[in-house]
Amino acid sequence: MALDDAIGAVAVDVGDLPLGGGALAIIRPALGPLQAGGVLSVLARGSALRDELASWCRIERHDYLGHDTLEDGVERHLIGCGS
């Protein structure tokens, strides 16, 4: 699935929170209602999540689908919900 083709079924905004500093408290509950294969869009300011989120997804058996930068500088990370 290409990043441009993925549509987030759920979107959350974690602001500038690092993964272990509050972002997980927002991301985990948002993944809960998604079925396997559903997509979560995570909006973040700054690059704090860029490296950590991909590793966390591997550990938690989710698919990190990539990120892009929106016009306003906000990064959009896409997570494919695992089983």
PDB file of N, CA and C in Angstrom:
ATOM      1  N   MET A   1       0.855  -1.174   0.000  1.00  0.00           N
ATOM      2  CA  MET A   1       0.000   0.000   0.000  1.00  0.00           C
ATOM      3  C   MET A   1       0.900   1.237   0.000  1.00  0.00           C
ATOM      4  N   ALA A   2       0.696   2.121  -0.920  1.00  0.00           N
ATOM      5  CA  ALA A   2       1.463   3.356  -1.002  1.00  0.00           C
ATOM      6  C   ALA A   2       0.941   4.344   0.032  1.00  0.00           C
ATOM      7  N   LEU A   3       1.827   5.181   0.537  1.00  0.00           N
ATOM      8  CA  LEU A   3       1.458   6.151   1.553  1.00  0.00           C
ATOM      9  C   LEU A   3       0.310   7.035   1.082  1.00  0.00           C
ATOM     10  N   ASP A   4       0.321   7.449  -0.185  1.00  0.00           N
ATOM     11  CA  ASP A   4      -0.734   8.314  -0.710  1.00  0.00           C
ATOM     12  C   ASP A   4      -2.070   7.587  -0.846  1.00  0.00           C
ATOM     13  N   ASP A   5      -2.047   6.257  -0.940  1.00  0.00           N
ATOM     14  CA  ASP A   5      -3.269   5.479  -1.115  1.00  0.00           C
ATOM     15  C   ASP A   5      -3.917   5.094   0.211  1.00  0.00           C
ATOM     16  N   ALA A   6      -3.184   5.191   1.309  1.00  0.00           N
ATOM     17  CA  ALA A   6      -3.694   4.770   2.605  1.00  0.00           C
ATOM     18  C   ALA A   6      -4.623   5.835   3.180  1.00  0.00           C
ATOM     19  N   ILE A   7      -5.766   5.390   3.660  1.00  0.00           N
ATOM     20  CA  ILE A   7      -6.717   6.304   4.283  1.00  0.00           C
ATOM     21  C   ILE A   7      -6.816   5.906   5.739  1.00  0.00           C
ATOM     22  N   GLY A   8      -6.547   6.842   6.633  1.00  0.00           N
ATOM     23  CA  GLY A   8      -6.631   6.549   8.052  1.00  0.00           C
ATOM     24  C   GLY A   8      -8.068   6.377   8.484  1.00  0.00           C
ATOM     25  N   ALA A   9      -8.373   5.251   9.109  1.00  0.00           N
ATOM     26  CA  ALA A   9      -9.713   5.021   9.631  1.00  0.00           C
ATOM     27  C   ALA A   9      -9.899   5.829  10.904  1.00  0.00           C
ATOM     28  N   VAL A  10      -8.803   6.091  11.591  1.00  0.00           N
ATOM     29  CA  VAL A  10      -8.808   6.875  12.817  1.00  0.00           C
ATOM     30  C   VAL A  10      -7.598   7.793  12.766  1.00  0.00           C
ATOM     31  N   ALA A  11      -7.756   9.014  13.252  1.00  0.00           N
ATOM     32  CA  ALA A  11      -6.629   9.956  13.302  1.00  0.00           C
ATOM     33  C   ALA A  11      -6.512  10.525  14.707  1.00  0.00           C
ATOM     34  N   VAL A  12      -5.267  10.631  15.178  1.00  0.00           N
ATOM     35  CA  VAL A  12      -4.998  11.254  16.472  1.00  0.00           C
ATOM     36  C   VAL A  12      -3.874  12.263  16.298  1.00  0.00           C
ATOM     37  N   ASP A  13      -3.861  13.257  17.163  1.00  0.00           N
ATOM     38  CA  ASP A  13      -2.827  14.289  17.144  1.00  0.00           C
ATOM     39  C   ASP A  13      -2.080  14.220  18.467  1.00  0.00           C
ATOM     40  N   VAL A  14      -0.784  13.905  18.417  1.00  0.00           N
ATOM     41  CA  VAL A  14       0.001  13.779  19.646  1.00  0.00           C
ATOM     42  C   VAL A  14       0.848  15.023  19.904  1.00  0.00           C
ATOM     43  N   GLY A  15       0.684  16.048  19.089  1.00  0.00           N
ATOM     44  CA  GLY A  15       1.438  17.281  19.293  1.00  0.00           C
ATOM     45  C   GLY A  15       2.929  17.025  19.211  1.00  0.00           C
ATOM     46  N   ASP A  16       3.667  17.492  20.213  1.00  0.00           N
ATOM     47  CA  ASP A  16       5.115  17.285  20.232  1.00  0.00           C
ATOM     48  C   ASP A  16       5.534  16.283  21.301  1.00  0.00           C
ATOM     49  N   LEU A  17       4.599  15.445  21.736  1.00  0.00           N
ATOM     50  CA  LEU A  17       4.908  14.445  22.763  1.00  0.00           C
ATOM     51  C   LEU A  17       5.820  13.355  22.212  1.00  0.00           C
ATOM     52  N   PRO A  18       6.851  12.966  22.969  1.00  0.00           N
ATOM     53  CA  PRO A  18       7.654  11.806  22.559  1.00  0.00           C
ATOM     54  C   PRO A  18       6.861  10.526  22.814  1.00  0.00           C
ATOM     55  N   LEU A  19       7.285   9.436  22.223  1.00  0.00           N
ATOM     56  CA  LEU A  19       6.558   8.180  22.327  1.00  0.00           C
ATOM     57  C   LEU A  19       6.339   7.780  23.786  1.00  0.00           C
ATOM     58  N   GLY A  20       7.417   7.761  24.577  1.00  0.00           N
ATOM     59  CA  GLY A  20       7.306   7.357  25.974  1.00  0.00           C
ATOM     60  C   GLY A  20       6.866   8.466  26.903  1.00  0.00           C
ATOM     61  N   GLY A  21       6.673   9.652  26.383  1.00  0.00           N
ATOM     62  CA  GLY A  21       6.303  10.804  27.202  1.00  0.00           C
ATOM     63  C   GLY A  21       4.863  11.239  27.012  1.00  0.00           C
ATOM     64  N   GLY A  22       4.012  10.314  26.594  1.00  0.00           N
ATOM     65  CA  GLY A  22       2.601  10.623  26.472  1.00  0.00           C
ATOM     66  C   GLY A  22       1.961  10.209  25.160  1.00  0.00           C
ATOM     67  N   ALA A  23       2.745  10.092  24.093  1.00  0.00           N
ATOM     68  CA  ALA A  23       2.162   9.739  22.796  1.00  0.00           C
ATOM     69  C   ALA A  23       1.540   8.336  22.828  1.00  0.00           C
ATOM     70  N   LEU A  24       2.182   7.396  23.515  1.00  0.00           N
ATOM     71  CA  LEU A  24       1.625   6.043  23.591  1.00  0.00           C
ATOM     72  C   LEU A  24       0.278   6.019  24.290  1.00  0.00           C
ATOM     73  N   ALA A  25       0.085   6.916  25.249  1.00  0.00           N
ATOM     74  CA  ALA A  25      -1.191   6.987  25.959  1.00  0.00           C
ATOM     75  C   ALA A  25      -2.315   7.422  25.034  1.00  0.00           C
ATOM     76  N   ILE A  26      -1.980   8.020  23.923  1.00  0.00           N
ATOM     77  CA  ILE A  26      -2.963   8.434  22.925  1.00  0.00           C
ATOM     78  C   ILE A  26      -3.074   7.382  21.819  1.00  0.00           C
ATOM     79  N   ILE A  27      -1.935   6.825  21.407  1.00  0.00           N
ATOM     80  CA  ILE A  27      -1.898   5.896  20.278  1.00  0.00           C
ATOM     81  C   ILE A  27      -2.533   4.542  20.613  1.00  0.00           C
ATOM     82  N   ARG A  28      -2.179   3.958  21.760  1.00  0.00           N
ATOM     83  CA  ARG A  28      -2.688   2.618  22.106  1.00  0.00           C
ATOM     84  C   ARG A  28      -4.220   2.557  22.112  1.00  0.00           C
ATOM     85  N   PRO A  29      -4.914   3.461  22.817  1.00  0.00           N
ATOM     86  CA  PRO A  29      -6.386   3.379  22.818  1.00  0.00           C
ATOM     87  C   PRO A  29      -6.995   3.608  21.432  1.00  0.00           C
ATOM     88  N   ALA A  30      -6.323   4.393  20.600  1.00  0.00           N
ATOM     89  CA  ALA A  30      -6.838   4.654  19.252  1.00  0.00           C
ATOM     90  C   ALA A  30      -6.745   3.413  18.375  1.00  0.00           C
ATOM     91  N   LEU A  31      -5.768   2.560  18.611  1.00  0.00           N
ATOM     92  CA  LEU A  31      -5.621   1.314  17.846  1.00  0.00           C
ATOM     93  C   LEU A  31      -6.640   0.263  18.281  1.00  0.00           C
ATOM     94  N   GLY A  32      -7.108   0.359  19.521  1.00  0.00           N
ATOM     95  CA  GLY A  32      -8.003  -0.646  20.092  1.00  0.00           C
ATOM     96  C   GLY A  32      -9.212  -1.007  19.253  1.00  0.00           C
ATOM     97  N   PRO A  33      -9.992  -0.036  18.796  1.00  0.00           N
ATOM     98  CA  PRO A  33     -11.205  -0.379  18.048  1.00  0.00           C
ATOM     99  C   PRO A  33     -10.971  -0.783  16.594  1.00  0.00           C
ATOM    100  N   LEU A  34      -9.750  -0.617  16.100  1.00  0.00           N
ATOM    101  CA  LEU A  34      -9.474  -0.954  14.701  1.00  0.00           C
ATOM    102  C   LEU A  34      -9.340  -2.462  14.514  1.00  0.00           C
ATOM    103  N   GLN A  35      -9.874  -2.957  13.419  1.00  0.00           N
ATOM    104  CA  GLN A  35      -9.683  -4.351  13.065  1.00  0.00           C
ATOM    105  C   GLN A  35      -8.313  -4.502  12.423  1.00  0.00           C
ATOM    106  N   ALA A  36      -7.821  -5.728  12.349  1.00  0.00           N
ATOM    107  CA  ALA A  36      -6.538  -5.986  11.678  1.00  0.00           C
ATOM    108  C   ALA A  36      -6.607  -5.420  10.266  1.00  0.00           C
ATOM    109  N   GLY A  37      -5.599  -4.680   9.899  1.00  0.00           N
ATOM    110  CA  GLY A  37      -5.549  -4.046   8.586  1.00  0.00           C
ATOM    111  C   GLY A  37      -6.064  -2.624   8.574  1.00  0.00           C
ATOM    112  N   GLY A  38      -6.744  -2.204   9.647  1.00  0.00           N
ATOM    113  CA  GLY A  38      -7.193  -0.820   9.754  1.00  0.00           C
ATOM    114  C   GLY A  38      -5.989   0.101   9.872  1.00  0.00           C
ATOM    115  N   VAL A  39      -6.176   1.367   9.568  1.00  0.00           N
ATOM    116  CA  VAL A  39      -5.061   2.307   9.560  1.00  0.00           C
ATOM    117  C   VAL A  39      -5.304   3.441  10.557  1.00  0.00           C
ATOM    118  N   LEU A  40      -4.279   3.711  11.358  1.00  0.00           N
ATOM    119  CA  LEU A  40      -4.289   4.837  12.280  1.00  0.00           C
ATOM    120  C   LEU A  40      -3.357   5.908  11.741  1.00  0.00           C
ATOM    121  N   SER A  41      -3.842   7.121  11.631  1.00  0.00           N
ATOM    122  CA  SER A  41      -3.028   8.257  11.224  1.00  0.00           C
ATOM    123  C   SER A  41      -2.636   9.030  12.479  1.00  0.00           C
ATOM    124  N   VAL A  42      -1.345   9.191  12.695  1.00  0.00           N
ATOM    125  CA  VAL A  42      -0.835   9.894  13.873  1.00  0.00           C
ATOM    126  C   VAL A  42      -0.182  11.189  13.409  1.00  0.00           C
ATOM    127  N   LEU A  43      -0.734  12.313  13.844  1.00  0.00           N
ATOM    128  CA  LEU A  43      -0.167  13.615  13.507  1.00  0.00           C
ATOM    129  C   LEU A  43       0.767  14.048  14.623  1.00  0.00           C
ATOM    130  N   ALA A  44       1.950  14.539  14.259  1.00  0.00           N
ATOM    131  CA  ALA A  44       2.951  14.932  15.260  1.00  0.00           C
ATOM    132  C   ALA A  44       3.720  16.150  14.775  1.00  0.00           C
ATOM    133  N   ARG A  45       4.102  16.980  15.721  1.00  0.00           N
ATOM    134  CA  ARG A  45       4.953  18.129  15.432  1.00  0.00           C
ATOM    135  C   ARG A  45       6.363  17.797  15.892  1.00  0.00           C
ATOM    136  N   GLY A  46       7.321  18.016  15.047  1.00  0.00           N
ATOM    137  CA  GLY A  46       8.696  17.655  15.380  1.00  0.00           C
ATOM    138  C   GLY A  46       8.982  16.232  14.964  1.00  0.00           C
ATOM    139  N   SER A  47      10.220  15.826  15.145  1.00  0.00           N
ATOM    140  CA  SER A  47      10.644  14.516  14.654  1.00  0.00           C
ATOM    141  C   SER A  47      10.789  13.485  15.768  1.00  0.00           C
ATOM    142  N   ALA A  48      10.221  13.741  16.932  1.00  0.00           N
ATOM    143  CA  ALA A  48      10.401  12.845  18.075  1.00  0.00           C
ATOM    144  C   ALA A  48       9.908  11.425  17.801  1.00  0.00           C
ATOM    145  N   LEU A  49       8.854  11.270  17.024  1.00  0.00           N
ATOM    146  CA  LEU A  49       8.293   9.937  16.784  1.00  0.00           C
ATOM    147  C   LEU A  49       8.938   9.202  15.627  1.00  0.00           C
ATOM    148  N   ARG A  50       9.607   9.915  14.759  1.00  0.00           N
ATOM    149  CA  ARG A  50      10.049   9.344  13.480  1.00  0.00           C
ATOM    150  C   ARG A  50      10.787   8.022  13.640  1.00  0.00           C
ATOM    151  N   ASP A  51      11.765   7.948  14.500  1.00  0.00           N
ATOM    152  CA  ASP A  51      12.547   6.722  14.668  1.00  0.00           C
ATOM    153  C   ASP A  51      11.892   5.740  15.632  1.00  0.00           C
ATOM    154  N   GLU A  52      11.324   6.249  16.711  1.00  0.00           N
ATOM    155  CA  GLU A  52      10.777   5.386  17.750  1.00  0.00           C
ATOM    156  C   GLU A  52       9.518   4.653  17.323  1.00  0.00           C
ATOM    157  N   LEU A  53       8.673   5.283  16.540  1.00  0.00           N
ATOM    158  CA  LEU A  53       7.386   4.699  16.199  1.00  0.00           C
ATOM    159  C   LEU A  53       7.536   3.447  15.343  1.00  0.00           C
ATOM    160  N   ALA A  54       8.449   3.453  14.398  1.00  0.00           N
ATOM    161  CA  ALA A  54       8.666   2.267  13.555  1.00  0.00           C
ATOM    162  C   ALA A  54       9.118   1.080  14.405  1.00  0.00           C
ATOM    163  N   SER A  55      10.018   1.312  15.343  1.00  0.00           N
ATOM    164  CA  SER A  55      10.492   0.232  16.221  1.00  0.00           C
ATOM    165  C   SER A  55       9.374  -0.277  17.117  1.00  0.00           C
ATOM    166  N   TRP A  56       8.595   0.626  17.663  1.00  0.00           N
ATOM    167  CA  TRP A  56       7.481   0.241  18.530  1.00  0.00           C
ATOM    168  C   TRP A  56       6.481  -0.610  17.753  1.00  0.00           C
ATOM    169  N   CYS A  57       6.199  -0.222  16.522  1.00  0.00           N
ATOM    170  CA  CYS A  57       5.262  -0.994  15.689  1.00  0.00           C
ATOM    171  C   CYS A  57       5.755  -2.422  15.482  1.00  0.00           C
ATOM    172  N   ARG A  58       7.044  -2.586  15.208  1.00  0.00           N
ATOM    173  CA  ARG A  58       7.595  -3.937  15.028  1.00  0.00           C
ATOM    174  C   ARG A  58       7.408  -4.766  16.289  1.00  0.00           C
ATOM    175  N   ILE A  59       7.713  -4.193  17.439  1.00  0.00           N
ATOM    176  CA  ILE A  59       7.595  -4.910  18.713  1.00  0.00           C
ATOM    177  C   ILE A  59       6.149  -5.293  18.994  1.00  0.00           C
ATOM    178  N   GLU A  60       5.230  -4.391  18.689  1.00  0.00           N
ATOM    179  CA  GLU A  60       3.807  -4.613  18.973  1.00  0.00           C
ATOM    180  C   GLU A  60       3.068  -5.332  17.839  1.00  0.00           C
ATOM    181  N   ARG A  61       3.804  -5.700  16.786  1.00  0.00           N
ATOM    182  CA  ARG A  61       3.256  -6.431  15.632  1.00  0.00           C
ATOM    183  C   ARG A  61       2.218  -5.630  14.846  1.00  0.00           C
ATOM    184  N   HIS A  62       2.494  -4.349  14.715  1.00  0.00           N
ATOM    185  CA  HIS A  62       1.727  -3.488  13.821  1.00  0.00           C
ATOM    186  C   HIS A  62       2.635  -3.175  12.630  1.00  0.00           C
ATOM    187  N   ASP A  63       2.057  -2.656  11.574  1.00  0.00           N
ATOM    188  CA  ASP A  63       2.832  -2.298  10.388  1.00  0.00           C
ATOM    189  C   ASP A  63       3.026  -0.787  10.351  1.00  0.00           C
ATOM    190  N   TYR A  64       4.290  -0.357  10.376  1.00  0.00           N
ATOM    191  CA  TYR A  64       4.568   1.064  10.193  1.00  0.00           C
ATOM    192  C   TYR A  64       4.572   1.317   8.691  1.00  0.00           C
ATOM    193  N   LEU A  65       3.606   2.098   8.219  1.00  0.00           N
ATOM    194  CA  LEU A  65       3.410   2.303   6.792  1.00  0.00           C
ATOM    195  C   LEU A  65       4.176   3.506   6.254  1.00  0.00           C
ATOM    196  N   GLY A  66       4.824   4.252   7.138  1.00  0.00           N
ATOM    197  CA  GLY A  66       5.629   5.383   6.711  1.00  0.00           C
ATOM    198  C   GLY A  66       5.093   6.713   7.217  1.00  0.00           C
ATOM    199  N   HIS A  67       5.764   7.762   6.796  1.00  0.00           N
ATOM    200  CA  HIS A  67       5.336   9.105   7.202  1.00  0.00           C
ATOM    201  C   HIS A  67       5.571  10.075   6.054  1.00  0.00           C
ATOM    202  N   ASP A  68       4.857  11.164   6.118  1.00  0.00           N
ATOM    203  CA  ASP A  68       5.088  12.262   5.201  1.00  0.00           C
ATOM    204  C   ASP A  68       4.888  13.563   5.970  1.00  0.00           C
ATOM    205  N   THR A  69       5.320  14.642   5.377  1.00  0.00           N
ATOM    206  CA  THR A  69       5.192  15.945   6.019  1.00  0.00           C
ATOM    207  C   THR A  69       4.126  16.738   5.285  1.00  0.00           C
ATOM    208  N   LEU A  70       3.146  17.204   6.029  1.00  0.00           N
ATOM    209  CA  LEU A  70       2.058  17.992   5.460  1.00  0.00           C
ATOM    210  C   LEU A  70       2.521  19.424   5.224  1.00  0.00           C
ATOM    211  N   GLU A  71       1.720  20.193   4.536  1.00  0.00           N
ATOM    212  CA  GLU A  71       2.100  21.560   4.169  1.00  0.00           C
ATOM    213  C   GLU A  71       2.436  22.444   5.369  1.00  0.00           C
ATOM    214  N   ASP A  72       1.777  22.214   6.486  1.00  0.00           N
ATOM    215  CA  ASP A  72       2.015  23.046   7.671  1.00  0.00           C
ATOM    216  C   ASP A  72       3.173  22.555   8.536  1.00  0.00           C
ATOM    217  N   GLY A  73       3.936  21.568   8.035  1.00  0.00           N
ATOM    218  CA  GLY A  73       5.096  21.056   8.764  1.00  0.00           C
ATOM    219  C   GLY A  73       4.782  19.919   9.713  1.00  0.00           C
ATOM    220  N   VAL A  74       3.510  19.579   9.859  1.00  0.00           N
ATOM    221  CA  VAL A  74       3.114  18.468  10.728  1.00  0.00           C
ATOM    222  C   VAL A  74       3.442  17.159  10.019  1.00  0.00           C
ATOM    223  N   GLU A  75       4.000  16.210  10.773  1.00  0.00           N
ATOM    224  CA  GLU A  75       4.292  14.890  10.211  1.00  0.00           C
ATOM    225  C   GLU A  75       3.093  13.981  10.411  1.00  0.00           C
ATOM    226  N   ARG A  76       2.751  13.228   9.369  1.00  0.00           N
ATOM    227  CA  ARG A  76       1.669  12.251   9.443  1.00  0.00           C
ATOM    228  C   ARG A  76       2.292  10.869   9.342  1.00  0.00           C
ATOM    229  N   HIS A  77       2.132  10.085  10.400  1.00  0.00           N
ATOM    230  CA  HIS A  77       2.623   8.713  10.456  1.00  0.00           C
ATOM    231  C   HIS A  77       1.430   7.786  10.308  1.00  0.00           C
ATOM    232  N   LEU A  78       1.577   6.732   9.516  1.00  0.00           N
ATOM    233  CA  LEU A  78       0.503   5.777   9.333  1.00  0.00           C
ATOM    234  C   LEU A  78       0.895   4.427   9.900  1.00  0.00           C
ATOM    235  N   ILE A  79      -0.018   3.872  10.697  1.00  0.00           N
ATOM    236  CA  ILE A  79       0.191   2.572  11.335  1.00  0.00           C
ATOM    237  C   ILE A  79      -0.912   1.643  10.882  1.00  0.00           C
ATOM    238  N   GLY A  80      -0.524   0.491  10.347  1.00  0.00           N
ATOM    239  CA  GLY A  80      -1.477  -0.554  10.007  1.00  0.00           C
ATOM    240  C   GLY A  80      -1.674  -1.445  11.215  1.00  0.00           C
ATOM    241  N   CYS A  81      -2.890  -1.572  11.668  1.00  0.00           N
ATOM    242  CA  CYS A  81      -3.182  -2.338  12.869  1.00  0.00           C
ATOM    243  C   CYS A  81      -2.917  -3.826  12.628  1.00  0.00           C
ATOM    244  N   GLY A  82      -2.133  -4.424  13.500  1.00  0.00           N
ATOM    245  CA  GLY A  82      -1.846  -5.854  13.416  1.00  0.00           C
ATOM    246  C   GLY A  82      -2.993  -6.674  13.959  1.00  0.00           C
ATOM    247  N   SER A  83      -2.816  -7.979  13.962  1.00  0.00           N
ATOM    248  CA  SER A  83      -3.901  -8.863  14.432  1.00  0.00           C
ATOM    249  C   SER A  83      -3.959  -8.938  15.938  1.00  0.00           C
TER     250      SER A  83
END
